[in-house]
Structures are given as C-alpha cells and as structure tokens.
C-alpha atoms as a PDB file:
ATOM      1  CA  UNK A   1       2.582 -53.064  33.030  1.00  0.00           C
ATOM      2  CA  UNK A   2       1.367 -50.273  30.646  1.00  0.00           C
ATOM      3  CA  UNK A   3       3.898 -49.760  27.928  1.00  0.00           C
ATOM      4  CA  UNK A   4       6.188 -46.622  28.409  1.00  0.00           C
ATOM      5  CA  UNK A   5       6.723 -44.189  25.525  1.00  0.00           C
ATOM      6  CA  UNK A   6      10.079 -43.755  24.439  1.00  0.00           C
ATOM      7  CA  UNK A   7      10.187 -39.956  24.188  1.00  0.00           C
ATOM      8  CA  UNK A   8      14.116 -40.182  23.068  1.00  0.00           C
ATOM      9  CA  UNK A   9      13.033 -42.018  19.820  1.00  0.00           C
ATOM     10  CA  UNK A  10      13.432 -40.059  16.777  1.00  0.00           C
ATOM     11  CA  UNK A  11       9.649 -40.530  16.030  1.00  0.00           C
ATOM     12  CA  UNK A  12       8.707 -38.903  19.284  1.00  0.00           C
ATOM     13  CA  UNK A  13      11.162 -36.308  19.122  1.00  0.00           C
ATOM     14  CA  UNK A  14      10.023 -35.050  15.561  1.00  0.00           C
ATOM     15  CA  UNK A  15       6.758 -34.858  17.030  1.00  0.00           C
ATOM     16  CA  UNK A  16       7.698 -32.571  19.852  1.00  0.00           C
ATOM     17  CA  UNK A  17       9.467 -30.259  17.688  1.00  0.00           C
ATOM     18  CA  UNK A  18       6.731 -30.139  15.252  1.00  0.00           C
ATOM     19  CA  UNK A  19       4.435 -28.800  18.186  1.00  0.00           C
ATOM     20  CA  UNK A  20       7.042 -26.536  19.446  1.00  0.00           C
ATOM     21  CA  UNK A  21       7.242 -24.948  15.899  1.00  0.00           C
ATOM     22  CA  UNK A  22       3.520 -24.859  15.398  1.00  0.00           C
ATOM     23  CA  UNK A  23       3.306 -22.751  18.567  1.00  0.00           C
ATOM     24  CA  UNK A  24       5.812 -20.482  17.518  1.00  0.00           C
ATOM     25  CA  UNK A  25       3.872 -20.237  14.310  1.00  0.00           C
ATOM     26  CA  UNK A  26       0.516 -19.461  15.990  1.00  0.00           C
ATOM     27  CA  UNK A  27       2.070 -16.739  18.036  1.00  0.00           C
ATOM     28  CA  UNK A  28       3.853 -15.041  14.975  1.00  0.00           C
ATOM     29  CA  UNK A  29       0.520 -15.437  12.921  1.00  0.00           C
ATOM     30  CA  UNK A  30      -1.386 -13.946  15.787  1.00  0.00           C
ATOM     31  CA  UNK A  31       1.292 -10.738  15.735  1.00  0.00           C
ATOM     32  CA  UNK A  32       1.058 -10.262  12.094  1.00  0.00           C
ATOM     33  CA  UNK A  33      -2.733 -10.549  12.225  1.00  0.00           C
ATOM     34  CA  UNK A  34      -2.780  -7.464  14.623  1.00  0.00           C
ATOM     35  CA  UNK A  35      -1.241  -5.345  11.951  1.00  0.00           C
ATOM     36  CA  UNK A  36      -3.884  -3.293   9.793  1.00  0.00           C
ATOM     37  CA  UNK A  37      -1.802  -3.199   6.536  1.00  0.00           C
ATOM     38  CA  UNK A  38      -1.713  -7.178   6.443  1.00  0.00           C
ATOM     39  CA  UNK A  39      -5.381  -6.803   5.627  1.00  0.00           C
ATOM     40  CA  UNK A  40      -5.192  -4.280   2.825  1.00  0.00           C
ATOM     41  CA  UNK A  41      -5.429  -6.821   0.040  1.00  0.00           C
ATOM     42  CA  UNK A  42      -8.703  -8.311   1.281  1.00  0.00           C
ATOM     43  CA  UNK A  43     -10.574  -4.517   1.220  1.00  0.00           C
ATOM     44  CA  UNK A  44      -8.646  -4.027  -2.012  1.00  0.00           C
ATOM     45  CA  UNK A  45     -10.127  -6.829  -3.766  1.00  0.00           C
ATOM     46  CA  UNK A  46     -13.552  -6.099  -2.314  1.00  0.00           C
ATOM     47  CA  UNK A  47     -13.328  -2.574  -3.376  1.00  0.00           C
ATOM     48  CA  UNK A  48     -12.231  -3.404  -6.836  1.00  0.00           C
ATOM     49  CA  UNK A  49     -15.180  -5.642  -7.461  1.00  0.00           C
ATOM     50  CA  UNK A  50     -17.392  -2.895  -6.531  1.00  0.00           C
ATOM     51  CA  UNK A  51     -19.238  -1.016  -9.474  1.00  0.00           C
ATOM     52  CA  UNK A  52     -18.195   2.600  -8.905  1.00  0.00           C
ATOM     53  CA  UNK A  53     -20.807   4.833  -7.873  1.00  0.00           C
ATOM     54  CA  UNK A  54     -22.807   6.718 -10.409  1.00  0.00           C
ATOM     55  CA  UNK A  55     -22.667  10.650 -10.309  1.00  0.00           C
ATOM     56  CA  UNK A  56     -25.318  12.260  -8.201  1.00  0.00           C
ATOM     57  CA  UNK A  57     -25.928  14.377 -11.246  1.00  0.00           C
ATOM     58  CA  UNK A  58     -24.138  14.028 -14.366  1.00  0.00           C
ATOM     59  CA  UNK A  59     -26.160  16.623 -16.219  1.00  0.00           C
ATOM     60  CA  UNK A  60     -25.133  19.295 -13.721  1.00  0.00           C
ATOM     61  CA  UNK A  61     -24.336  22.566 -14.978  1.00  0.00           C
ATOM     62  CA  UNK A  62     -20.614  23.131 -16.130  1.00  0.00           C
ATOM     63  CA  UNK A  63     -20.137  26.181 -14.358  1.00  0.00           C
ATOM     64  CA  UNK A  64     -20.917  25.031 -11.017  1.00  0.00           C
ATOM     65  CA  UNK A  65     -18.784  21.581 -11.877  1.00  0.00           C
ATOM     66  CA  UNK A  66     -15.488  22.870 -12.071  1.00  0.00           C
ATOM     67  CA  UNK A  67     -13.157  25.064 -10.086  1.00  0.00           C
ATOM     68  CA  UNK A  68     -12.736  28.473 -10.698  1.00  0.00           C
ATOM     69  CA  UNK A  69     -10.591  29.231 -13.834  1.00  0.00           C
ATOM     70  CA  UNK A  70     -11.010  26.090 -15.580  1.00  0.00           C
ATOM     71  CA  UNK A  71     -12.186  26.381 -18.958  1.00  0.00           C
ATOM     72  CA  UNK A  72     -14.508  23.424 -20.332  1.00  0.00           C
ATOM     73  CA  UNK A  73     -13.546  24.225 -24.073  1.00  0.00           C
ATOM     74  CA  UNK A  74     -10.150  23.124 -23.370  1.00  0.00           C
ATOM     75  CA  UNK A  75     -11.119  19.702 -21.658  1.00  0.00           C
ATOM     76  CA  UNK A  76     -13.244  19.109 -24.879  1.00  0.00           C
ATOM     77  CA  UNK A  77     -10.056  18.604 -26.607  1.00  0.00           C
ATOM     78  CA  UNK A  78      -8.688  15.883 -24.212  1.00  0.00           C
ATOM     79  CA  UNK A  79      -9.055  12.167 -25.438  1.00  0.00           C
ATOM     80  CA  UNK A  80      -8.960   9.014 -23.283  1.00  0.00           C
ATOM     81  CA  UNK A  81      -6.758   6.066 -24.074  1.00  0.00           C
ATOM     82  CA  UNK A  82      -4.251   7.973 -26.012  1.00  0.00           C
ATOM     83  CA  UNK A  83      -0.731   9.451 -25.350  1.00  0.00           C
ATOM     84  CA  UNK A  84      -0.107  13.230 -24.626  1.00  0.00           C
ATOM     85  CA  UNK A  85      -1.508  14.976 -27.839  1.00  0.00           C
ATOM     86  CA  UNK A  86      -0.246  18.332 -29.120  1.00  0.00           C
ATOM     87  CA  UNK A  87      -4.047  19.101 -29.016  1.00  0.00           C
ATOM     88  CA  UNK A  88      -4.510  18.990 -25.341  1.00  0.00           C
ATOM     89  CA  UNK A  89      -1.602  21.324 -24.493  1.00  0.00           C
ATOM     90  CA  UNK A  90      -3.701  23.940 -23.334  1.00  0.00           C
ATOM     91  CA  UNK A  91      -5.729  21.870 -21.367  1.00  0.00           C
ATOM     92  CA  UNK A  92      -2.967  20.601 -19.688  1.00  0.00           C
ATOM     93  CA  UNK A  93      -1.126  23.589 -18.949  1.00  0.00           C
ATOM     94  CA  UNK A  94      -3.875  25.872 -18.146  1.00  0.00           C
ATOM     95  CA  UNK A  95      -4.900  23.178 -15.359  1.00  0.00           C
ATOM     96  CA  UNK A  96      -1.304  23.485 -14.037  1.00  0.00           C
ATOM     97  CA  UNK A  97      -1.189  27.505 -13.942  1.00  0.00           C
ATOM     98  CA  UNK A  98      -4.285  27.084 -11.826  1.00  0.00           C
ATOM     99  CA  UNK A  99      -2.490  24.880  -9.167  1.00  0.00           C
ATOM    100  CA  UNK A 100       0.392  27.090  -9.494  1.00  0.00           C
ATOM    101  CA  UNK A 101      -1.506  30.382  -8.749  1.00  0.00           C
ATOM    102  CA  UNK A 102      -3.804  28.555  -5.748  1.00  0.00           C
ATOM    103  CA  UNK A 103      -2.866  27.772  -2.443  1.00  0.00           C
ATOM    104  CA  UNK A 104      -3.152  24.123  -1.345  1.00  0.00           C
ATOM    105  CA  UNK A 105      -5.551  24.420   1.377  1.00  0.00           C
ATOM    106  CA  UNK A 106      -8.205  26.401  -0.971  1.00  0.00           C
ATOM    107  CA  UNK A 107      -7.589  23.590  -3.499  1.00  0.00           C
ATOM    108  CA  UNK A 108      -8.397  20.651  -0.892  1.00  0.00           C
ATOM    109  CA  UNK A 109     -11.763  22.589   0.444  1.00  0.00           C
ATOM    110  CA  UNK A 110     -12.644  22.659  -3.478  1.00  0.00           C
ATOM    111  CA  UNK A 111     -12.195  19.030  -3.834  1.00  0.00           C
ATOM    112  CA  UNK A 112     -15.153  16.631  -4.198  1.00  0.00           C
ATOM    113  CA  UNK A 113     -13.736  14.297  -1.948  1.00  0.00           C
ATOM    114  CA  UNK A 114     -12.078  11.028  -2.197  1.00  0.00           C
ATOM    115  CA  UNK A 115     -12.643   8.748  -5.360  1.00  0.00           C
ATOM    116  CA  UNK A 116     -11.474   5.446  -6.199  1.00  0.00           C
ATOM    117  CA  UNK A 117      -9.380   3.903  -9.200  1.00  0.00           C
ATOM    118  CA  UNK A 118     -12.105   2.524 -10.616  1.00  0.00           C
ATOM    119  CA  UNK A 119     -14.269   5.779 -10.323  1.00  0.00           C
ATOM    120  CA  UNK A 120     -11.691   7.314 -12.488  1.00  0.00           C
ATOM    121  CA  UNK A 121     -10.848   4.779 -14.987  1.00  0.00           C
ATOM    122  CA  UNK A 122     -14.490   4.227 -15.846  1.00  0.00           C
ATOM    123  CA  UNK A 123     -15.947   7.578 -15.609  1.00  0.00           C
ATOM    124  CA  UNK A 124     -13.352   9.551 -16.743  1.00  0.00           C
ATOM    125  CA  UNK A 125     -15.593  12.035 -18.769  1.00  0.00           C
ATOM    126  CA  UNK A 126     -17.192  12.928 -15.589  1.00  0.00           C
ATOM    127  CA  UNK A 127     -14.354  13.592 -13.469  1.00  0.00           C
ATOM    128  CA  UNK A 128     -12.136  15.255 -16.325  1.00  0.00           C
ATOM    129  CA  UNK A 129     -11.174  18.827 -14.857  1.00  0.00           C
ATOM    130  CA  UNK A 130     -12.557  18.188 -11.257  1.00  0.00           C
ATOM    131  CA  UNK A 131     -10.449  18.288  -8.091  1.00  0.00           C
ATOM    132  CA  UNK A 132     -10.282  14.957  -6.688  1.00  0.00           C
ATOM    133  CA  UNK A 133      -8.684  13.544  -3.562  1.00  0.00           C
ATOM    134  CA  UNK A 134      -6.376  10.411  -3.433  1.00  0.00           C
ATOM    135  CA  UNK A 135      -4.856   8.444  -0.882  1.00  0.00           C
ATOM    136  CA  UNK A 136      -1.993   5.784  -1.433  1.00  0.00           C
ATOM    137  CA  UNK A 137       1.559   5.046  -1.780  1.00  0.00           C
ATOM    138  CA  UNK A 138       4.430   7.263  -4.161  1.00  0.00           C
ATOM    139  CA  UNK A 139       6.637   4.383  -5.636  1.00  0.00           C
ATOM    140  CA  UNK A 140       8.298   6.826  -8.025  1.00  0.00           C
ATOM    141  CA  UNK A 141       9.387  10.267  -8.191  1.00  0.00           C
ATOM    142  CA  UNK A 142      11.677  12.255 -10.591  1.00  0.00           C
ATOM    143  CA  UNK A 143      11.835  15.646 -11.845  1.00  0.00           C
ATOM    144  CA  UNK A 144      10.916  16.641 -15.656  1.00  0.00           C
ATOM    145  CA  UNK A 145      11.233  19.366 -17.791  1.00  0.00           C
ATOM    146  CA  UNK A 146       8.014  21.014 -19.088  1.00  0.00           C
ATOM    147  CA  UNK A 147       7.537  21.609 -22.839  1.00  0.00           C
ATOM    148  CA  UNK A 148       7.770  25.092 -24.124  1.00  0.00           C
ATOM    149  CA  UNK A 149       4.854  26.721 -23.272  1.00  0.00           C
ATOM    150  CA  UNK A 150       2.893  30.059 -22.975  1.00  0.00           C
ATOM    151  CA  UNK A 151       1.659  29.501 -19.223  1.00  0.00           C
ATOM    152  CA  UNK A 152       4.948  30.051 -17.347  1.00  0.00           C
ATOM    153  CA  UNK A 153       5.317  26.354 -16.486  1.00  0.00           C
ATOM    154  CA  UNK A 154       8.957  25.192 -16.633  1.00  0.00           C
ATOM    155  CA  UNK A 155       9.125  21.967 -14.848  1.00  0.00           C
ATOM    156  CA  UNK A 156       7.184  19.284 -12.773  1.00  0.00           C
ATOM    157  CA  UNK A 157       7.722  16.059 -11.122  1.00  0.00           C
ATOM    158  CA  UNK A 158       6.365  12.603 -12.683  1.00  0.00           C
ATOM    159  CA  UNK A 159       4.939  10.543  -9.985  1.00  0.00           C
ATOM    160  CA  UNK A 160       3.850   6.835  -9.875  1.00  0.00           C
ATOM    161  CA  UNK A 161       1.050   6.197  -7.366  1.00  0.00           C
ATOM    162  CA  UNK A 162      -0.125   3.255  -5.817  1.00  0.00           C
ATOM    163  CA  UNK A 163      -3.894   3.954  -4.506  1.00  0.00           C
ATOM    164  CA  UNK A 164      -4.816   2.578  -1.208  1.00  0.00           C
ATOM    165  CA  UNK A 165      -8.106   0.981  -3.126  1.00  0.00           C
ATOM    166  CA  UNK A 166      -6.088  -0.537  -5.948  1.00  0.00           C
ATOM    167  CA  UNK A 167      -2.402  -0.918  -5.055  1.00  0.00           C
ATOM    168  CA  UNK A 168      -1.824  -3.597  -7.971  1.00  0.00           C
ATOM    169  CA  UNK A 169      -2.428  -0.875 -10.787  1.00  0.00           C
ATOM    170  CA  UNK A 170      -0.790   2.266 -10.670  1.00  0.00           C
ATOM    171  CA  UNK A 171      -1.652   5.835 -11.105  1.00  0.00           C
ATOM    172  CA  UNK A 172       0.548   8.916 -12.693  1.00  0.00           C
ATOM    173  CA  UNK A 173       0.544  12.215 -11.150  1.00  0.00           C
ATOM    174  CA  UNK A 174       2.312  15.265 -12.364  1.00  0.00           C
ATOM    175  CA  UNK A 175       3.135  17.603  -9.192  1.00  0.00           C
ATOM    176  CA  UNK A 176       4.313  20.908  -9.628  1.00  0.00           C
ATOM    177  CA  UNK A 177       6.096  20.813  -6.063  1.00  0.00           C
ATOM    178  CA  UNK A 178       7.449  18.285  -3.694  1.00  0.00           C
ATOM    179  CA  UNK A 179       7.637  19.006   0.300  1.00  0.00           C
ATOM    180  CA  UNK A 180      11.112  19.344   1.516  1.00  0.00           C
ATOM    181  CA  UNK A 181      12.669  15.997   1.853  1.00  0.00           C
ATOM    182  CA  UNK A 182      10.474  14.174  -0.001  1.00  0.00           C
ATOM    183  CA  UNK A 183      12.319  11.132  -1.185  1.00  0.00           C
ATOM    184  CA  UNK A 184      12.771  10.985  -5.214  1.00  0.00           C
ATOM    185  CA  UNK A 185      14.400   8.246  -7.489  1.00  0.00           C
ATOM    186  CA  UNK A 186      12.877   4.882  -9.160  1.00  0.00           C
ATOM    187  CA  UNK A 187      12.068   3.245  -6.197  1.00  0.00           C
ATOM    188  CA  UNK A 188      10.094   5.278  -3.365  1.00  0.00           C
ATOM    189  CA  UNK A 189       7.631   4.407  -0.652  1.00  0.00           C
ATOM    190  CA  UNK A 190       6.218   7.371   0.841  1.00  0.00           C
ATOM    191  CA  UNK A 191       2.536   7.442   2.022  1.00  0.00           C
ATOM    192  CA  UNK A 192       0.770  10.626   0.649  1.00  0.00           C
ATOM    193  CA  UNK A 193      -2.548  12.282   0.228  1.00  0.00           C
ATOM    194  CA  UNK A 194      -3.154  13.975  -3.115  1.00  0.00           C
ATOM    195  CA  UNK A 195      -5.842  16.860  -4.301  1.00  0.00           C
ATOM    196  CA  UNK A 196      -5.606  17.630  -7.842  1.00  0.00           C
ATOM    197  CA  UNK A 197      -7.399  17.780 -11.227  1.00  0.00           C
ATOM    198  CA  UNK A 198      -8.059  14.450 -13.043  1.00  0.00           C
ATOM    199  CA  UNK A 199      -6.897  14.884 -16.678  1.00  0.00           C
ATOM    200  CA  UNK A 200      -7.446  11.760 -18.742  1.00  0.00           C
ATOM    201  CA  UNK A 201      -6.982   7.925 -19.140  1.00  0.00           C
ATOM    202  CA  UNK A 202      -3.441   7.827 -20.680  1.00  0.00           C
ATOM    203  CA  UNK A 203      -1.838   5.331 -22.511  1.00  0.00           C
ATOM    204  CA  UNK A 204       1.946   4.224 -21.536  1.00  0.00           C
ATOM    205  CA  UNK A 205       4.383   1.633 -22.684  1.00  0.00           C
ATOM    206  CA  UNK A 206       4.908  -0.889 -19.945  1.00  0.00           C
ATOM    207  CA  UNK A 207       7.368  -3.626 -19.967  1.00  0.00           C
ATOM    208  CA  UNK A 208       5.273  -6.288 -21.318  1.00  0.00           C
ATOM    209  CA  UNK A 209       2.651  -4.397 -23.266  1.00  0.00           C
ATOM    210  CA  UNK A 210       0.556  -1.055 -23.546  1.00  0.00           C
ATOM    211  CA  UNK A 211      -1.433  -0.095 -20.527  1.00  0.00           C
ATOM    212  CA  UNK A 212      -3.503   2.771 -19.278  1.00  0.00           C
ATOM    213  CA  UNK A 213      -3.773   4.562 -16.026  1.00  0.00           C
ATOM    214  CA  UNK A 214      -5.356   7.547 -14.809  1.00  0.00           C
ATOM    215  CA  UNK A 215      -3.782  11.057 -14.777  1.00  0.00           C
ATOM    216  CA  UNK A 216      -4.025  13.760 -12.155  1.00  0.00           C
ATOM    217  CA  UNK A 217      -2.220  17.069 -12.099  1.00  0.00           C
ATOM    218  CA  UNK A 218      -1.579  18.586  -8.677  1.00  0.00           C
ATOM    219  CA  UNK A 219       0.396  21.351  -7.064  1.00  0.00           C
ATOM    220  CA  UNK A 220       2.036  19.420  -4.350  1.00  0.00           C
ATOM    221  CA  UNK A 221       1.401  16.155  -2.014  1.00  0.00           C
ATOM    222  CA  UNK A 222       0.374  15.806   1.575  1.00  0.00           C
ATOM    223  CA  UNK A 223       3.269  13.387   2.929  1.00  0.00           C
ATOM    224  CA  UNK A 224       2.972  11.586   6.149  1.00  0.00           C
ATOM    225  CA  UNK A 225       6.400  11.857   6.832  1.00  0.00           C
ATOM    226  CA  UNK A 226       8.001   8.957   8.738  1.00  0.00           C
ATOM    227  CA  UNK A 227       8.573   9.835  12.236  1.00  0.00           C
ATOM    228  CA  UNK A 228      10.766   7.903  15.192  1.00  0.00           C
ATOM    229  CA  UNK A 229       7.555   6.448  16.201  1.00  0.00           C
ATOM    230  CA  UNK A 230       7.590   4.486  13.409  1.00  0.00           C
ATOM    231  CA  UNK A 231      11.188   3.354  13.609  1.00  0.00           C
ATOM    232  CA  UNK A 232      10.126   2.470  17.515  1.00  0.00           C
ATOM    233  CA  UNK A 233       7.211   0.446  16.104  1.00  0.00           C
ATOM    234  CA  UNK A 234       9.868  -1.526  13.739  1.00  0.00           C
ATOM    235  CA  UNK A 235      11.870  -2.192  16.847  1.00  0.00           C
ATOM    236  CA  UNK A 236       8.934  -3.268  19.054  1.00  0.00           C
ATOM    237  CA  UNK A 237       7.871  -5.685  16.473  1.00  0.00           C
ATOM    238  CA  UNK A 238      11.363  -6.962  16.168  1.00  0.00           C
ATOM    239  CA  UNK A 239      11.821  -7.421  19.927  1.00  0.00           C
ATOM    240  CA  UNK A 240       8.281  -9.129  19.915  1.00  0.00           C
ATOM    241  CA  UNK A 241       9.394 -11.709  17.589  1.00  0.00           C
ATOM    242  CA  UNK A 242      12.789 -12.403  19.316  1.00  0.00           C
ATOM    243  CA  UNK A 243      10.979 -12.802  22.608  1.00  0.00           C
ATOM    244  CA  UNK A 244       8.222 -15.316  20.922  1.00  0.00           C
ATOM    245  CA  UNK A 245      11.086 -17.479  19.356  1.00  0.00           C
ATOM    246  CA  UNK A 246      13.119 -17.568  22.281  1.00  0.00           C
ATOM    247  CA  UNK A 247      10.230 -18.465  24.580  1.00  0.00           C
ATOM    248  CA  UNK A 248       9.313 -21.156  22.034  1.00  0.00           C
ATOM    249  CA  UNK A 249      13.172 -22.459  22.254  1.00  0.00           C
ATOM    250  CA  UNK A 250      13.168 -22.146  25.862  1.00  0.00           C
ATOM    251  CA  UNK A 251      10.201 -23.923  26.283  1.00  0.00           C
ATOM    252  CA  UNK A 252      11.332 -26.984  23.701  1.00  0.00           C
ATOM    253  CA  UNK A 253      14.462 -27.116  26.289  1.00  0.00           C
ATOM    254  CA  UNK A 254      12.676 -27.288  29.226  1.00  0.00           C
ATOM    255  CA  UNK A 255      10.104 -29.905  27.881  1.00  0.00           C
ATOM    256  CA  UNK A 256      12.728 -31.956  26.096  1.00  0.00           C
ATOM    257  CA  UNK A 257      15.020 -31.986  29.732  1.00  0.00           C
ATOM    258  CA  UNK A 258      11.782 -33.016  31.782  1.00  0.00           C
ATOM    259  CA  UNK A 259      10.812 -35.542  29.228  1.00  0.00           C
ATOM    260  CA  UNK A 260      14.249 -37.094  28.902  1.00  0.00           C
ATOM    261  CA  UNK A 261      14.847 -37.209  32.960  1.00  0.00           C
ATOM    262  CA  UNK A 262      11.234 -38.889  33.274  1.00  0.00           C
ATOM    263  CA  UNK A 263      12.139 -41.475  30.434  1.00  0.00           C
ATOM    264  CA  UNK A 264      15.572 -42.204  32.039  1.00  0.00           C
ATOM    265  CA  UNK A 265      14.382 -42.699  35.600  1.00  0.00           C
ATOM    266  CA  UNK A 266      11.609 -45.152  33.845  1.00  0.00           C
ATOM    267  CA  UNK A 267      14.215 -47.091  32.217  1.00  0.00           C
ATOM    268  CA  UNK A 268      16.514 -47.110  35.243  1.00  0.00           C
ATOM    269  CA  UNK A 269      13.349 -48.559  37.015  1.00  0.00           C
ATOM    270  CA  UNK A 270      12.738 -51.128  34.616  1.00  0.00           C
ATOM    271  CA  UNK A 271      16.014 -52.563  34.271  1.00  0.00           C
ATOM    272  CA  UNK A 272      16.449 -53.200  37.962  1.00  0.00           C
ATOM    273  CA  UNK A 273      16.807 -57.026  38.393  1.00  0.00           C
ATOM    274  CA  UNK A 274      13.817 -58.526  39.975  1.00  0.00           C
ATOM    275  CA  UNK A 275      14.466 -60.237  43.260  1.00  0.00           C
ATOM    276  CA  UNK A 276      13.604 -63.692  43.661  1.00  0.00           C
ATOM    277  CA  UNK A 277      11.336 -64.970  46.478  1.00  0.00           C
ATOM    278  CA  UNK A 278      12.021 -67.685  48.453  1.00  0.00           C
END
C-alpha cells in the first residue's frame, strides 16, 4: 500500500499556508500592477538618463524668442548657481508684472510647450525668460511678502514642485495667485500643471548641503482638484483587497477542511483491525 501523506503534520500545514499566501500575494501584485502611478518611477529613471534635446535654433532672434514685454537686457543680469541677487530684481519683478497683467489663457497659448527638468537644468541660458509648461505634484506652498519694488508686486507664493519626469529632485515655483481651495502648508500633495517664465538655476540650503533647483515664475497653477470619483476609486481598491484576502482565507479554510476530512477517513480505515482468514 502506498504511503499516505499526513496533511495534519506541521510541515504539510506550513506548505499549504505558503501556497495560499503566495496566491494572495500574486493577486495583490496583479492589482498593483494595473495602476499607472506605480510605473512612474520606471519612466522617470529612463527619462532622467536621456540627454535633453538640443534647441532647434539656439541662435534664433531674441525678439521672436521672448513673450511680448520681456526685456532681454534685464535677463542678462541673471546668474545661475547663485542665490537671488540684488542685481536680478528688475529681471525678477518685471517678469512677475507681465504675468500679473496677462490672463492665463494667453500665457498658455504662448508657451513653447512641456519641458523636462533636465532641459531646464542643463540649458538654463536658452530657456531663461521663456514661457514653459511643467506637469507634476505640488508638495509645499506658502505665502511670502515681496521685497519693496516699483512694479506693484506685494506678495506671492513659494511652491516646491515635483516634476513628473524627475520626482526625486524638486523645482521651485513662485506663483502670484492660487486657485480657490488650493491646499497650502509644508506638507501638500496636489497634481498641477504650471505655465510660467523660467528664471534661473537657484542655489538653496537643504538639510544636508547646498543644492540647486530650476526656478519658474507663474501667474497661477492649473490644479487637477480631487473629485468624488477619486475617493470612489480608493474605496473600490480597498474593497478589492478585502475581497482578495477574504477569498484567499476562504479557500484556505475549505482546502484545510477537505484535507483534514480525507486524512481522518484514511487514518480510520488504516486503523481498522484486519480480519483473520480461516
């Protein structure tokens, strides 16, 4: 008679539990894999390793290069890899004044389009003073009082922004107006699209050392405000996970009960006394 496996043994029970947990983990990973956000880090790495595209015409005429009202002679005073310098105030405030006097729709149409973190960081001279568009996540937003100036700018918001193409390295955005209901504070998470003037590569003091970040000036942000649909999606995902683990637990119980019953019957059958043949 072939040897019957003892499914009630601890070793067999651990093997069964491992199989059930593996099934649950596989279903969980399949659910996570269908979410686009979980693949963002892969595309971010691949984009960060790609060299930024060269400008189509680096020597294009300055008049056609800038938005109406931008004064190139002011931009000549701006220096990268420095803090904000006093000599740059005219360049700074006259760009903010243009943003204040121009509606957002006009600015959006005049933008040269979406640019990457790498393009602004490595080609700052080309993009300085040009209208660019960025997509990403606002992580911090707080209001600042503007220094005394002759351009009528009294206040603005400093925004720390994680671009989609390089979320591990922040950019800094100075915004004149925030949409109604936009979250503010030192710990914010708000998806947004920003169109504004690139200003410089700015040096700032981080917790560990001095770092540099591209700085953009904008009138406002195009905020993708969370809707009830987003909350429903979160609830659906939660219920999905509960169903997965509940189903796994139910399968485990049914399989264990079946194995226990079958093993008990076989054991009782083997323990029956053998009748003597005369």
